[in-house]
N, C-alpha and C. Protein backbone atom coordinates (compact mmCIF):
# COMPACT_ATOMS: atom_id res chain seq x y z
N MET A 1 0.76 -1.09 0.10
CA MET A 1 -0.06 -0.28 -0.23
C MET A 1 0.83 1.36 0.03
N ILE A 2 0.60 2.20 -1.03
CA ILE A 2 1.32 3.41 -1.15
C ILE A 2 0.91 4.54 -0.15
N SER A 3 1.81 5.05 0.64
CA SER A 3 0.83 5.98 1.62
C SER A 3 1.19 7.46 1.21
N ALA A 4 0.25 8.06 1.46
CA ALA A 4 -0.03 9.62 1.06
C ALA A 4 1.36 10.21 1.39
N ALA A 5 2.10 9.97 2.69
CA ALA A 5 3.48 10.57 2.90
C ALA A 5 4.54 10.33 2.05
N ASP A 6 4.37 8.98 1.34
CA ASP A 6 5.42 8.78 0.40
C ASP A 6 5.24 9.60 -0.82
N VAL A 7 3.83 9.51 -1.07
CA VAL A 7 3.61 10.52 -2.75
C VAL A 7 4.11 11.57 -2.29
N LYS A 8 3.64 12.58 -0.96
CA LYS A 8 4.26 14.05 -0.75
C LYS A 8 5.52 13.94 -1.01
N GLU A 9 6.11 13.14 -0.30
CA GLU A 9 7.90 12.97 -0.23
C GLU A 9 8.25 13.08 -2.01
N LEU A 10 7.82 12.14 -2.63
CA LEU A 10 8.24 11.84 -3.98
C LEU A 10 7.89 13.29 -4.69
N ARG A 11 6.81 13.94 -4.28
CA ARG A 11 6.31 15.20 -5.25
C ARG A 11 7.36 16.24 -4.84
N ASN A 12 7.66 16.23 -3.54
CA ASN A 12 8.63 17.22 -2.92
C ASN A 12 9.88 17.37 -3.80
N ARG A 13 10.19 15.92 -3.81
CA ARG A 13 11.61 15.47 -4.49
C ARG A 13 11.62 15.81 -6.18
N THR A 14 10.76 15.68 -6.75
CA THR A 14 10.87 15.47 -8.17
C THR A 14 9.93 16.93 -8.66
N GLY A 15 8.92 17.27 -7.88
CA GLY A 15 8.05 18.55 -8.58
C GLY A 15 6.99 17.61 -9.61
N ALA A 16 6.88 16.50 -9.69
CA ALA A 16 5.75 15.77 -10.59
C ALA A 16 4.58 15.91 -9.85
N GLY A 17 3.55 15.84 -10.78
CA GLY A 17 2.11 15.78 -10.10
C GLY A 17 1.79 14.67 -9.42
N MET A 18 0.73 14.80 -8.24
CA MET A 18 0.34 13.61 -7.50
C MET A 18 -0.01 12.38 -7.98
N MET A 19 -0.67 12.37 -9.03
CA MET A 19 -1.26 10.99 -9.74
C MET A 19 0.14 10.39 -10.20
N ASP A 20 1.05 11.33 -11.00
CA ASP A 20 2.25 10.50 -11.56
C ASP A 20 3.28 10.02 -10.76
N CYS A 21 3.33 10.83 -9.27
CA CYS A 21 3.93 9.88 -8.02
C CYS A 21 3.46 8.81 -7.85
N LYS A 22 2.08 8.88 -7.59
CA LYS A 22 1.43 7.60 -6.95
C LYS A 22 1.93 6.24 -8.20
N LYS A 23 1.60 6.65 -9.55
CA LYS A 23 1.83 5.45 -10.50
C LYS A 23 3.40 5.25 -10.46
N ALA A 24 4.36 6.39 -10.06
CA ALA A 24 5.75 5.95 -10.07
C ALA A 24 6.04 4.79 -8.91
N LEU A 25 5.43 5.38 -7.78
CA LEU A 25 5.46 4.80 -6.40
C LEU A 25 5.20 3.10 -6.76
N GLU A 26 3.61 2.86 -7.11
CA GLU A 26 3.37 1.80 -7.78
C GLU A 26 4.04 0.73 -8.48
N ASP A 27 4.53 1.29 -9.65
CA ASP A 27 4.98 0.69 -10.54
C ASP A 27 6.58 0.21 -9.94
N SER A 28 6.87 1.14 -8.89
CA SER A 28 8.35 0.66 -8.45
C SER A 28 8.29 -0.15 -7.06
N GLY A 29 7.23 -0.62 -6.82
CA GLY A 29 6.92 -1.20 -5.21
C GLY A 29 7.31 -0.43 -4.06
N GLY A 30 7.27 0.59 -4.10
CA GLY A 30 7.38 1.61 -3.32
C GLY A 30 8.44 2.14 -3.14
N ASP A 31 9.45 1.75 -3.90
CA ASP A 31 10.99 2.27 -3.56
C ASP A 31 11.32 3.51 -4.23
N MET A 32 11.41 4.40 -3.23
CA MET A 32 11.56 5.88 -3.65
C MET A 32 12.59 6.16 -4.82
N GLU A 33 14.04 5.78 -4.83
CA GLU A 33 14.89 5.93 -5.62
C GLU A 33 14.51 5.40 -7.03
N LYS A 34 13.80 4.33 -7.22
CA LYS A 34 13.43 3.69 -8.21
C LYS A 34 12.20 4.68 -9.16
N ALA A 35 11.65 5.07 -8.20
CA ALA A 35 10.15 5.81 -8.33
C ALA A 35 10.83 7.27 -9.05
N ILE A 36 11.86 7.78 -8.40
CA ILE A 36 12.44 9.19 -9.01
C ILE A 36 13.20 8.72 -10.23
N GLU A 37 13.89 7.60 -10.55
CA GLU A 37 14.34 7.30 -11.91
C GLU A 37 13.27 7.18 -12.67
N TYR A 38 12.16 6.44 -12.50
CA TYR A 38 10.95 6.14 -13.34
C TYR A 38 10.51 7.91 -13.91
N LEU A 39 10.39 8.55 -12.70
CA LEU A 39 9.78 9.81 -13.22
C LEU A 39 10.91 10.78 -14.35
N ARG A 40 12.12 10.39 -14.09
CA ARG A 40 13.18 11.21 -14.83
C ARG A 40 13.06 10.39 -16.41
N LYS A 41 12.82 9.13 -16.42
CA LYS A 41 12.87 8.66 -17.75
C LYS A 41 11.50 9.29 -18.47
N LYS A 42 10.35 9.17 -17.51
CA LYS A 42 9.26 9.73 -17.96
C LYS A 42 9.35 11.24 -18.72
N GLY A 43 10.10 11.97 -17.85
CA GLY A 43 10.45 13.31 -18.36
C GLY A 43 11.24 13.17 -19.83
N LEU A 44 12.32 12.28 -19.62
CA LEU A 44 12.92 12.35 -21.16
C LEU A 44 12.05 11.94 -22.18
N ALA A 45 11.27 11.14 -22.12
CA ALA A 45 10.33 10.57 -22.86
C ALA A 45 9.39 11.57 -23.46
N THR A 46 8.90 12.28 -22.66
CA THR A 46 7.91 13.55 -22.94
C THR A 46 8.64 14.63 -23.62
N ALA A 47 9.84 15.06 -23.10
CA ALA A 47 10.46 15.96 -23.71
C ALA A 47 11.04 15.47 -25.29
N ALA A 48 11.54 14.31 -25.32
CA ALA A 48 11.77 13.65 -26.82
C ALA A 48 10.61 13.76 -27.59
N LYS A 49 9.39 13.59 -27.37
CA LYS A 49 8.15 13.88 -28.05
C LYS A 49 7.92 15.42 -28.37
N ARG A 50 8.21 16.21 -27.64
CA ARG A 50 7.96 17.70 -27.55
C ARG A 50 8.80 18.18 -28.44
N ALA A 51 10.10 17.42 -28.61
CA ALA A 51 11.12 18.33 -29.39
C ALA A 51 11.03 19.11 -30.82
N GLY A 52 9.95 18.57 -31.45
CA GLY A 52 9.68 18.97 -32.70
C GLY A 52 8.81 20.31 -32.94
N LYS A 53 8.30 20.25 -31.82
CA LYS A 53 7.09 21.86 -31.69
C LYS A 53 7.82 22.84 -31.66
N ILE A 54 7.21 23.98 -31.90
CA ILE A 54 7.72 25.30 -31.98
C ILE A 54 7.47 26.09 -30.57
N ALA A 55 8.21 26.72 -29.82
CA ALA A 55 8.09 27.14 -28.67
C ALA A 55 8.34 28.72 -28.77
N SER A 56 7.33 29.44 -29.00
CA SER A 56 7.39 30.99 -28.99
C SER A 56 6.78 32.08 -28.12
N GLU A 57 6.17 31.20 -27.10
CA GLU A 57 5.61 32.07 -26.13
C GLU A 57 6.64 31.61 -24.98
N GLY A 58 6.55 32.48 -23.90
CA GLY A 58 7.47 32.44 -22.78
C GLY A 58 7.48 33.44 -22.09
N LEU A 59 8.67 33.62 -21.24
CA LEU A 59 8.90 34.91 -20.31
C LEU A 59 10.58 35.35 -20.46
N VAL A 60 10.31 36.66 -20.25
CA VAL A 60 11.89 37.22 -20.01
C VAL A 60 11.64 37.47 -18.49
N HIS A 61 12.71 37.43 -17.71
CA HIS A 61 12.76 37.42 -16.65
C HIS A 61 14.03 38.16 -16.05
N ALA A 62 13.84 38.92 -14.85
CA ALA A 62 15.12 39.74 -14.50
C ALA A 62 15.13 39.19 -13.12
N TYR A 63 16.57 39.05 -12.58
CA TYR A 63 16.77 38.24 -11.55
C TYR A 63 18.16 39.19 -10.90
N ILE A 64 17.88 39.93 -9.72
CA ILE A 64 18.98 40.76 -9.21
C ILE A 64 19.19 39.98 -7.75
N HIS A 65 20.73 39.89 -7.46
CA HIS A 65 21.03 38.85 -6.53
C HIS A 65 22.01 39.66 -5.67
N GLY A 66 22.47 39.48 -4.37
CA GLY A 66 23.46 40.31 -3.65
C GLY A 66 23.29 41.75 -3.46
N GLY A 67 21.99 42.22 -3.29
CA GLY A 67 22.05 43.46 -3.08
C GLY A 67 22.51 44.42 -4.58
N GLY A 68 22.02 43.96 -5.39
CA GLY A 68 22.50 44.61 -6.74
C GLY A 68 23.69 44.53 -7.43
N ARG A 69 24.58 43.54 -7.01
CA ARG A 69 25.86 43.24 -7.62
C ARG A 69 25.80 42.30 -8.63
N ILE A 70 24.71 41.39 -8.85
CA ILE A 70 25.02 40.35 -9.78
C ILE A 70 23.56 40.86 -10.35
N GLY A 71 23.15 40.78 -11.77
CA GLY A 71 22.01 40.93 -12.24
C GLY A 71 21.97 39.83 -13.70
N VAL A 72 20.56 39.30 -13.53
CA VAL A 72 20.56 38.17 -14.66
C VAL A 72 19.10 38.65 -15.40
N LEU A 73 19.51 38.49 -16.82
CA LEU A 73 18.31 38.65 -17.77
C LEU A 73 18.00 37.27 -18.53
N ILE A 74 17.05 36.44 -18.37
CA ILE A 74 16.92 35.17 -19.07
C ILE A 74 15.55 35.46 -19.94
N GLU A 75 15.64 34.48 -21.10
CA GLU A 75 14.33 34.22 -21.99
C GLU A 75 14.06 32.87 -22.15
N VAL A 76 13.08 32.11 -21.26
CA VAL A 76 12.77 31.05 -21.66
C VAL A 76 11.25 30.73 -22.41
N ASN A 77 11.38 30.05 -23.31
CA ASN A 77 10.37 29.74 -24.15
C ASN A 77 9.41 28.53 -24.01
N CYS A 78 8.01 28.55 -24.07
CA CYS A 78 7.38 27.59 -24.15
C CYS A 78 6.37 27.51 -25.25
N GLU A 79 5.39 26.67 -25.37
CA GLU A 79 4.30 26.49 -26.80
C GLU A 79 3.41 27.61 -26.55
N THR A 80 2.88 27.59 -25.12
CA THR A 80 1.30 28.39 -25.38
C THR A 80 1.59 29.55 -24.28
N ASP A 81 0.93 30.73 -24.27
CA ASP A 81 0.84 31.56 -23.10
C ASP A 81 0.28 31.25 -22.05
N PHE A 82 -0.70 30.27 -22.22
CA PHE A 82 -1.34 29.72 -20.95
C PHE A 82 -0.40 28.92 -20.00
N VAL A 83 0.56 28.20 -20.75
CA VAL A 83 1.75 27.65 -19.57
C VAL A 83 2.57 28.53 -19.18
N ALA A 84 2.84 29.63 -20.06
CA ALA A 84 3.72 30.83 -19.89
C ALA A 84 3.48 31.33 -18.17
N LYS A 85 1.75 31.60 -18.19
CA LYS A 85 1.30 32.34 -17.16
C LYS A 85 1.48 31.55 -15.57
N THR A 86 1.88 30.01 -15.95
CA THR A 86 1.41 29.13 -14.74
C THR A 86 2.72 29.35 -13.58
N ASP A 87 2.30 28.96 -12.49
CA ASP A 87 3.17 29.26 -11.37
C ASP A 87 4.75 28.39 -11.62
N ALA A 88 4.22 26.95 -12.12
CA ALA A 88 5.27 26.19 -12.35
C ALA A 88 6.32 26.55 -13.36
N PHE A 89 5.58 27.15 -14.53
CA PHE A 89 6.65 27.79 -15.20
C PHE A 89 7.56 28.74 -14.94
N LYS A 90 6.98 29.76 -14.31
CA LYS A 90 7.58 30.84 -13.46
C LYS A 90 8.53 30.55 -12.81
N GLU A 91 8.25 29.44 -12.13
CA GLU A 91 9.51 29.07 -10.87
C GLU A 91 10.36 28.50 -11.82
N LEU A 92 10.44 27.75 -12.79
CA LEU A 92 11.12 27.21 -13.27
C LEU A 92 12.23 28.35 -13.90
N VAL A 93 11.69 29.15 -14.69
CA VAL A 93 12.43 30.56 -15.14
C VAL A 93 13.13 31.15 -14.17
N HIS A 94 12.55 31.47 -13.03
CA HIS A 94 13.37 31.81 -11.81
C HIS A 94 14.40 31.26 -11.28
N ASP A 95 14.09 29.70 -11.13
CA ASP A 95 15.38 29.01 -10.62
C ASP A 95 16.28 29.24 -11.45
N LEU A 96 16.16 29.11 -13.15
CA LEU A 96 17.17 29.23 -14.12
C LEU A 96 18.04 30.23 -14.13
N ALA A 97 17.59 31.26 -13.56
CA ALA A 97 18.13 33.03 -13.53
C ALA A 97 18.88 32.82 -12.37
N MET A 98 18.51 31.82 -11.43
CA MET A 98 19.34 31.88 -10.21
C MET A 98 20.66 31.04 -10.38
N GLN A 99 20.19 29.98 -11.29
CA GLN A 99 21.16 28.91 -11.61
C GLN A 99 22.36 30.09 -12.29
N VAL A 100 22.09 30.93 -13.20
CA VAL A 100 22.65 31.67 -14.13
C VAL A 100 23.76 32.51 -13.25
N ALA A 101 22.91 33.12 -12.16
CA ALA A 101 23.78 34.14 -11.34
C ALA A 101 24.66 33.32 -10.39
N ALA A 102 24.36 32.17 -10.04
CA ALA A 102 25.37 31.48 -9.31
C ALA A 102 26.34 30.71 -9.79
N SER A 103 26.06 29.99 -11.05
CA SER A 103 27.05 29.11 -11.55
C SER A 103 27.79 29.83 -12.98
N ARG A 104 27.61 30.84 -13.54
CA ARG A 104 28.17 31.83 -14.49
C ARG A 104 28.28 31.06 -15.71
N PRO A 105 27.44 30.30 -16.10
CA PRO A 105 27.42 29.40 -17.67
C PRO A 105 27.65 30.75 -18.47
N GLU A 106 28.60 30.00 -19.69
CA GLU A 106 28.62 30.95 -20.72
C GLU A 106 28.07 30.58 -22.07
N TYR A 107 27.59 29.46 -22.04
CA TYR A 107 26.51 29.17 -23.17
C TYR A 107 25.48 28.43 -22.63
N ILE A 108 24.61 27.93 -23.44
CA ILE A 108 23.13 27.49 -22.98
C ILE A 108 23.57 25.70 -23.14
N ALA A 109 24.12 25.07 -24.19
CA ALA A 109 24.20 23.94 -24.36
C ALA A 109 25.61 23.49 -25.05
N ARG A 110 26.01 22.57 -24.83
CA ARG A 110 27.39 21.94 -25.44
C ARG A 110 27.63 22.41 -26.83
N GLU A 111 26.44 22.57 -27.55
CA GLU A 111 26.49 22.44 -28.95
C GLU A 111 26.78 24.08 -29.20
N ASP A 112 26.69 24.82 -28.47
CA ASP A 112 26.59 26.22 -28.52
C ASP A 112 28.22 26.65 -28.36
N VAL A 113 28.80 25.79 -27.93
CA VAL A 113 30.59 26.08 -27.66
C VAL A 113 31.10 26.37 -29.23
N PRO A 114 31.71 27.27 -29.54
CA PRO A 114 32.30 27.70 -30.63
C PRO A 114 33.51 26.83 -31.04
N GLU A 115 33.73 26.38 -32.52
CA GLU A 115 34.56 25.34 -32.57
C GLU A 115 36.08 25.67 -32.08
N GLU A 116 36.41 27.05 -32.47
CA GLU A 116 37.36 27.37 -32.04
C GLU A 116 37.97 27.48 -30.34
N VAL A 117 36.86 27.84 -29.44
CA VAL A 117 36.85 27.68 -28.04
C VAL A 117 37.25 25.93 -27.93
N LEU A 118 36.64 25.33 -28.57
CA LEU A 118 36.55 24.01 -28.36
C LEU A 118 38.07 23.53 -28.55
N ALA A 119 38.82 23.46 -29.61
CA ALA A 119 39.85 23.23 -29.98
C ALA A 119 40.94 23.79 -29.11
N LYS A 120 40.79 25.11 -28.79
CA LYS A 120 41.78 25.86 -27.83
C LYS A 120 41.96 24.98 -26.17
N GLU A 121 40.56 24.65 -25.88
CA GLU A 121 40.59 23.87 -24.70
C GLU A 121 41.10 22.52 -24.83
N LYS A 122 41.01 22.15 -25.85
CA LYS A 122 41.33 20.57 -26.17
C LYS A 122 42.87 20.59 -25.93
N GLU A 123 43.66 21.80 -26.80
CA GLU A 123 44.75 21.83 -26.84
C GLU A 123 45.75 22.24 -25.35
N ILE A 124 44.77 22.98 -24.52
CA ILE A 124 45.27 23.17 -23.04
C ILE A 124 45.23 21.89 -22.37
N LEU A 125 44.17 21.15 -22.46
CA LEU A 125 43.86 19.99 -21.76
C LEU A 125 45.16 18.98 -21.97
N LYS A 126 45.36 18.68 -23.33
CA LYS A 126 46.38 17.97 -23.70
C LYS A 126 47.40 18.27 -23.39
N ALA A 127 48.17 19.59 -23.28
CA ALA A 127 48.98 20.08 -22.73
C ALA A 127 49.40 19.58 -21.11
N GLN A 128 48.14 19.93 -20.47
CA GLN A 128 48.30 19.79 -19.02
C GLN A 128 48.65 18.28 -18.73
N ALA A 129 47.80 17.17 -19.46
CA ALA A 129 47.85 16.07 -19.34
C ALA A 129 49.21 15.41 -19.48
N LEU A 130 49.95 16.02 -20.78
CA LEU A 130 51.63 15.71 -21.02
C LEU A 130 52.46 16.17 -19.91
N ASN A 131 52.41 17.34 -19.57
CA ASN A 131 53.00 17.75 -18.43
C ASN A 131 52.92 17.32 -17.09
N GLU A 132 52.01 16.34 -16.87
CA GLU A 132 51.73 15.69 -15.68
C GLU A 132 52.10 14.24 -15.73
N GLY A 133 52.94 14.12 -17.05
CA GLY A 133 53.63 12.59 -17.17
C GLY A 133 52.83 11.70 -17.75
N LYS A 134 51.74 11.96 -18.23
CA LYS A 134 50.50 10.56 -18.38
C LYS A 134 51.18 10.38 -19.82
N PRO A 135 50.80 8.93 -20.15
CA PRO A 135 51.45 8.14 -21.13
C PRO A 135 50.49 8.81 -22.57
N GLU A 136 51.07 8.83 -23.68
CA GLU A 136 50.36 9.48 -25.01
C GLU A 136 49.53 8.66 -25.29
N LYS A 137 49.22 7.22 -24.99
CA LYS A 137 48.19 6.73 -25.29
C LYS A 137 46.99 6.70 -24.54
N VAL A 138 47.01 7.11 -23.47
CA VAL A 138 45.78 7.64 -22.47
C VAL A 138 45.46 9.19 -22.56
N VAL A 139 46.36 9.82 -23.45
CA VAL A 139 45.94 11.58 -23.00
C VAL A 139 44.58 11.70 -23.60
N GLU A 140 44.47 11.15 -24.77
CA GLU A 140 43.14 11.32 -25.49
C GLU A 140 41.96 11.29 -24.72
N LYS A 141 41.93 10.01 -23.91
CA LYS A 141 40.81 9.51 -22.68
C LYS A 141 40.78 10.61 -21.85
N ILE A 142 41.86 11.01 -21.51
CA ILE A 142 41.73 12.09 -20.28
C ILE A 142 41.27 13.37 -20.65
N VAL A 143 41.66 13.72 -22.10
CA VAL A 143 41.33 15.11 -22.52
C VAL A 143 39.71 14.98 -22.66
N ALA A 144 39.22 13.82 -23.26
CA ALA A 144 37.71 13.77 -23.13
C ALA A 144 36.96 13.64 -22.13
N GLY A 145 37.74 13.21 -21.06
CA GLY A 145 37.00 13.03 -19.72
C GLY A 145 36.93 14.70 -18.59
N ARG A 146 38.21 15.25 -19.13
CA ARG A 146 38.33 16.66 -18.85
C ARG A 146 37.21 17.71 -19.38
N LEU A 147 37.11 17.35 -20.80
CA LEU A 147 36.57 18.15 -21.62
C LEU A 147 34.75 18.04 -21.23
N GLU A 148 34.30 17.15 -20.56
CA GLU A 148 33.04 16.88 -19.98
C GLU A 148 32.89 17.78 -18.67
N LYS A 149 34.01 18.00 -17.85
CA LYS A 149 34.11 18.92 -16.74
C LYS A 149 33.98 20.18 -17.37
N PHE A 150 34.49 20.40 -18.57
CA PHE A 150 34.60 21.81 -19.10
C PHE A 150 33.05 22.25 -19.33
N TYR A 151 32.20 21.25 -20.11
CA TYR A 151 30.62 21.64 -20.39
C TYR A 151 30.21 21.50 -19.28
N GLN A 152 30.47 20.89 -18.30
CA GLN A 152 29.70 20.91 -17.04
C GLN A 152 29.63 22.39 -16.34
N ASP A 153 30.94 23.02 -16.29
CA ASP A 153 31.41 24.27 -15.78
C ASP A 153 30.58 25.74 -16.63
N SER A 154 30.84 25.24 -18.04
CA SER A 154 30.69 26.36 -18.99
C SER A 154 28.98 26.34 -19.73
N CYS A 155 28.23 25.12 -19.58
CA CYS A 155 27.02 25.09 -20.28
C CYS A 155 25.76 24.79 -19.35
N LEU A 156 24.91 25.99 -19.60
CA LEU A 156 23.82 25.87 -18.43
C LEU A 156 23.17 24.43 -18.35
N LEU A 157 22.70 23.52 -19.42
CA LEU A 157 21.96 22.74 -19.42
C LEU A 157 22.86 21.46 -18.82
N GLU A 158 24.21 21.46 -18.84
CA GLU A 158 24.95 20.34 -18.17
C GLU A 158 25.34 20.81 -16.85
N GLN A 159 24.99 22.10 -15.99
CA GLN A 159 25.55 22.05 -14.88
C GLN A 159 24.92 21.50 -13.70
N PRO A 160 25.20 21.09 -12.62
CA PRO A 160 24.43 20.37 -11.61
C PRO A 160 23.44 21.54 -10.99
N PHE A 161 22.17 21.41 -10.97
CA PHE A 161 21.19 22.20 -10.36
C PHE A 161 21.51 22.73 -8.77
N ILE A 162 21.79 24.04 -8.93
CA ILE A 162 21.94 24.70 -7.46
C ILE A 162 21.18 24.12 -6.19
N LYS A 163 20.00 23.87 -6.26
CA LYS A 163 19.07 23.19 -5.22
C LYS A 163 19.10 21.96 -5.05
N ASP A 164 19.64 20.91 -6.25
CA ASP A 164 19.82 19.80 -6.04
C ASP A 164 20.81 19.30 -6.88
N MET A 165 21.95 19.04 -6.41
CA MET A 165 23.19 18.84 -6.99
C MET A 165 23.36 17.53 -7.61
N ASP A 166 22.43 16.54 -7.43
CA ASP A 166 22.17 15.12 -8.33
C ASP A 166 21.31 15.43 -9.48
N ARG A 167 20.93 16.60 -9.81
CA ARG A 167 20.19 16.71 -10.92
C ARG A 167 20.94 17.69 -11.84
N LYS A 168 20.89 17.40 -13.31
CA LYS A 168 21.48 18.65 -14.25
C LYS A 168 20.19 19.36 -14.50
N VAL A 169 20.60 20.54 -15.03
CA VAL A 169 19.71 21.71 -15.35
C VAL A 169 18.78 21.02 -16.48
N GLN A 170 19.43 20.51 -17.10
CA GLN A 170 18.55 19.58 -18.44
C GLN A 170 17.25 18.70 -17.71
N ASP A 171 17.78 18.12 -16.63
CA ASP A 171 16.83 17.04 -16.03
C ASP A 171 15.88 17.84 -15.27
N LEU A 172 15.87 19.11 -14.98
CA LEU A 172 14.97 20.26 -14.26
C LEU A 172 14.01 20.51 -15.38
N ILE A 173 14.63 20.78 -16.54
CA ILE A 173 13.64 21.28 -17.75
C ILE A 173 12.89 20.12 -18.43
N ASN A 174 13.52 18.78 -18.39
CA ASN A 174 12.78 17.58 -18.79
C ASN A 174 11.46 17.29 -17.95
N GLU A 175 11.59 17.51 -16.49
CA GLU A 175 10.89 17.34 -15.63
C GLU A 175 9.77 18.23 -15.86
N ALA A 176 10.09 19.54 -16.11
CA ALA A 176 9.08 20.66 -16.03
C ALA A 176 8.18 20.33 -17.38
N VAL A 177 8.83 19.77 -18.56
CA VAL A 177 8.35 19.39 -19.95
C VAL A 177 6.85 18.09 -19.69
N ALA A 178 7.64 17.40 -18.90
CA ALA A 178 6.65 16.11 -18.38
C ALA A 178 5.51 16.68 -17.81
N ARG A 179 5.58 17.52 -17.09
CA ARG A 179 4.67 18.18 -15.88
C ARG A 179 3.79 19.28 -16.56
N LEU A 180 4.53 20.10 -17.47
CA LEU A 180 3.76 21.01 -18.36
C LEU A 180 2.92 20.53 -19.61
N GLY A 181 3.39 19.35 -20.16
CA GLY A 181 3.09 19.08 -21.41
C GLY A 181 3.47 19.99 -22.63
N GLU A 182 4.52 20.90 -22.47
CA GLU A 182 4.90 21.68 -23.78
C GLU A 182 6.46 21.67 -23.83
N LYS A 183 6.90 21.78 -24.88
CA LYS A 183 8.41 22.21 -25.12
C LYS A 183 8.90 23.19 -24.57
N ILE A 184 9.97 23.22 -23.72
CA ILE A 184 10.73 24.58 -23.11
C ILE A 184 12.10 24.66 -23.58
N VAL A 185 12.27 25.59 -23.83
CA VAL A 185 13.59 26.00 -24.26
C VAL A 185 14.16 27.84 -23.55
N VAL A 186 15.36 27.18 -23.48
CA VAL A 186 16.05 28.27 -22.74
C VAL A 186 16.79 29.02 -24.30
N ARG A 187 16.07 30.39 -24.19
CA ARG A 187 16.61 30.77 -25.78
C ARG A 187 17.73 31.69 -25.54
N ARG A 188 17.93 32.59 -24.37
CA ARG A 188 19.43 33.29 -24.44
C ARG A 188 19.19 33.81 -22.72
N PHE A 189 20.42 34.32 -22.56
CA PHE A 189 20.71 34.87 -21.14
C PHE A 189 21.92 35.86 -21.35
N ALA A 190 21.68 36.77 -20.25
CA ALA A 190 22.98 37.53 -20.09
C ALA A 190 23.04 37.98 -18.63
N ARG A 191 24.20 37.80 -18.14
CA ARG A 191 24.81 38.12 -16.51
C ARG A 191 25.72 39.22 -16.55
N TYR A 192 25.09 39.98 -15.55
CA TYR A 192 26.05 41.20 -15.39
C TYR A 192 26.36 41.00 -13.82
N GLU A 193 27.77 41.41 -13.64
CA GLU A 193 28.38 41.53 -12.46
C GLU A 193 29.23 42.98 -12.13
N VAL A 194 28.88 43.69 -10.89
CA VAL A 194 29.46 44.87 -10.91
C VAL A 194 31.05 44.70 -10.99
N GLY A 195 31.48 45.37 -11.52
CA GLY A 195 33.04 45.68 -11.78
C GLY A 195 33.69 44.66 -12.72
N GLU A 196 32.63 43.73 -12.96
CA GLU A 196 33.44 42.67 -13.90
C GLU A 196 34.15 43.26 -15.32
N GLY A 197 35.19 42.73 -15.69
CA GLY A 197 35.99 43.23 -16.75
C GLY A 197 36.61 44.64 -16.47
N ILE A 198 36.55 45.01 -15.44
CA ILE A 198 37.52 46.66 -15.23
C ILE A 198 38.60 46.33 -14.53
N VAL A 199 39.65 46.69 -15.06
CA VAL A 199 40.91 46.39 -14.36
C VAL A 199 41.58 47.27 -13.56
N ALA A 200 41.76 47.09 -12.36
CA ALA A 200 42.11 48.35 -11.44
C ALA A 200 43.59 48.61 -11.79
N GLU A 201 43.74 49.94 -11.53
CA GLU A 201 44.89 50.47 -12.03
C GLU A 201 46.03 50.07 -10.62
N GLU A 202 47.42 49.86 -11.34
CA GLU A 202 48.19 49.54 -10.17
C GLU A 202 48.30 50.62 -9.15
């Protein structure tokens, strides 16, 4: 028998709907971790189904942090004005703006990293590995592994979500897609920090 407390806990941990949480727990025999995995997979499946849709509605959200020291402007798109006005969508957009403020991504997705930036990064990582005395034959593997870390640091969708480091930002979006039933896309963002780029005189 699935208890209401378990359903509530799963809902709090995943943000999924009550009925989805109940079904996930039933299908997982009451195992909380398996139920979370079930909901994540469901999110991925729904996100894949919505991928071809056009997301032209949404919100532009401004977030100011640290008493005005950091500011973020972000545009997140969905398919309908109806979803754009829901609290769940607004909360997602706010969380994404906070993520940009805290984790300083430079790009949205790994596909957005310019080829020349990637080539330079690979070159630096290769030189580092060779300087550490790593054998030539494993250097490529080491570079590939460290490149994943670069994507995780630089790309918003690859970053661990600041409110739950076990989930990537992409997981957060997939779960919102499953919950709201629409394609959701981060279109663009800008992050400003007081004094950034100003070089102090000696």
